[in-house]
């Protein structure tokens, strides 16, 4: 049970105490589906062991993404559409919003 929840201010302070200078900081994910990583990891396991029907397996293959036709009755296609709909809201979040992910580039102070 480890804690990995930091505010932007807390993570900034940790980086500065480590002797680094922040060059770039951006919050990147405020809106997301709760526990989406559990869904995605579970789906990946089902795909890897070949339990899902071929039509679903083909649509979910990330290496064939461009050649696959999205079939809207396919649950993978519906999932992609839902995740993308929610994720598009992250394109214009303000810096004062909480965030699931913070991208930081830091360099050693000279």
Protein backbone atom coordinates (compact mmCIF):
# COMPACT_ATOMS: atom_id res chain seq x y z
CA UNK A 1 0.00 0.00 0.00
CA UNK A 2 2.22 2.78 -1.23
CA UNK A 3 1.10 6.33 -1.84
CA UNK A 4 1.73 7.93 -5.20
CA UNK A 5 -0.65 10.86 -5.05
CA UNK A 6 1.08 14.22 -5.20
CA UNK A 7 -0.16 17.71 -5.87
CA UNK A 8 1.69 19.69 -8.51
CA UNK A 9 3.26 21.73 -5.70
CA UNK A 10 4.41 18.61 -3.81
CA UNK A 11 6.05 16.96 -6.82
CA UNK A 12 7.69 20.28 -7.76
CA UNK A 13 9.15 20.56 -4.25
CA UNK A 14 10.49 16.97 -4.35
CA UNK A 15 12.25 17.71 -7.65
CA UNK A 16 13.77 20.94 -6.35
CA UNK A 17 14.97 19.26 -3.14
CA UNK A 18 16.71 16.67 -5.32
CA UNK A 19 18.78 19.52 -6.75
CA UNK A 20 17.07 19.64 -10.13
CA UNK A 21 15.74 22.61 -12.06
CA UNK A 22 12.34 22.25 -13.72
CA UNK A 23 12.50 23.17 -17.40
CA UNK A 24 9.00 22.04 -18.37
CA UNK A 25 5.89 21.07 -16.40
CA UNK A 26 2.49 20.22 -17.84
CA UNK A 27 -0.57 18.61 -16.33
CA UNK A 28 -1.94 16.19 -18.88
CA UNK A 29 -4.89 14.14 -17.65
CA UNK A 30 -7.69 15.58 -15.56
CA UNK A 31 -10.61 13.74 -17.14
CA UNK A 32 -10.45 9.95 -17.32
CA UNK A 33 -12.50 6.83 -16.74
CA UNK A 34 -11.99 5.46 -13.25
CA UNK A 35 -9.91 2.31 -13.17
CA UNK A 36 -9.49 2.29 -16.96
CA UNK A 37 -6.09 0.61 -16.50
CA UNK A 38 -7.85 -2.42 -14.99
CA UNK A 39 -10.16 -2.66 -17.99
CA UNK A 40 -7.32 -2.24 -20.48
CA UNK A 41 -5.03 -4.74 -18.74
CA UNK A 42 -7.87 -7.27 -18.51
CA UNK A 43 -8.70 -6.82 -22.20
CA UNK A 44 -5.02 -7.25 -23.11
CA UNK A 45 -4.86 -10.54 -21.22
CA UNK A 46 -7.97 -11.83 -23.01
CA UNK A 47 -6.48 -10.81 -26.36
CA UNK A 48 -3.13 -12.43 -25.60
CA UNK A 49 -4.59 -15.80 -24.69
CA UNK A 50 -6.97 -15.81 -27.67
CA UNK A 51 -10.29 -16.04 -25.81
CA UNK A 52 -11.97 -13.22 -27.73
CA UNK A 53 -13.56 -13.76 -31.15
CA UNK A 54 -11.35 -12.95 -34.16
CA UNK A 55 -13.40 -9.85 -35.11
CA UNK A 56 -12.77 -8.29 -31.69
CA UNK A 57 -9.15 -9.40 -31.68
CA UNK A 58 -8.49 -7.79 -35.09
CA UNK A 59 -10.00 -4.43 -34.11
CA UNK A 60 -7.95 -4.32 -30.90
CA UNK A 61 -4.62 -5.09 -32.58
CA UNK A 62 -2.62 -1.88 -32.16
CA UNK A 63 -0.18 -2.85 -34.91
CA UNK A 64 -2.99 -3.16 -37.46
CA UNK A 65 -4.85 -0.06 -36.27
CA UNK A 66 -4.75 1.77 -39.62
CA UNK A 67 -5.88 -1.20 -41.69
CA UNK A 68 -8.73 -2.22 -39.37
CA UNK A 69 -12.22 -1.00 -40.08
CA UNK A 70 -14.00 0.05 -36.93
CA UNK A 71 -17.15 -2.01 -36.48
CA UNK A 72 -19.39 -0.03 -34.12
CA UNK A 73 -21.07 -3.10 -32.66
CA UNK A 74 -17.67 -4.37 -31.61
CA UNK A 75 -17.10 -3.68 -27.87
CA UNK A 76 -13.48 -2.71 -28.52
CA UNK A 77 -14.61 -0.02 -30.99
CA UNK A 78 -17.15 1.29 -28.48
CA UNK A 79 -14.46 1.36 -25.79
CA UNK A 80 -12.04 3.26 -28.07
CA UNK A 81 -14.74 5.81 -28.89
CA UNK A 82 -15.65 6.32 -25.22
CA UNK A 83 -12.03 6.66 -24.05
CA UNK A 84 -11.24 9.09 -26.90
CA UNK A 85 -14.38 11.17 -26.20
CA UNK A 86 -13.38 11.63 -22.56
CA UNK A 87 -9.67 12.10 -23.31
CA UNK A 88 -10.36 14.94 -25.78
CA UNK A 89 -11.55 17.02 -22.82
CA UNK A 90 -7.93 16.99 -21.57
CA UNK A 91 -6.70 19.00 -24.55
CA UNK A 92 -7.65 22.30 -22.96
CA UNK A 93 -7.38 21.81 -19.20
CA UNK A 94 -6.13 24.71 -17.15
CA UNK A 95 -2.96 24.43 -15.09
CA UNK A 96 -4.89 24.83 -11.82
CA UNK A 97 -6.88 21.60 -12.34
CA UNK A 98 -5.88 18.43 -10.53
CA UNK A 99 -4.24 15.86 -12.76
CA UNK A 100 -3.73 12.13 -12.98
CA UNK A 101 -0.49 12.66 -14.91
CA UNK A 102 2.07 15.43 -14.78
CA UNK A 103 4.83 15.61 -17.40
CA UNK A 104 8.02 17.18 -16.06
CA UNK A 105 11.40 17.77 -17.64
CA UNK A 106 14.11 18.62 -15.12
CA UNK A 107 17.86 19.10 -15.42
CA UNK A 108 20.75 19.12 -12.95
CA UNK A 109 21.57 22.52 -11.60
CA UNK A 110 25.02 23.67 -12.60
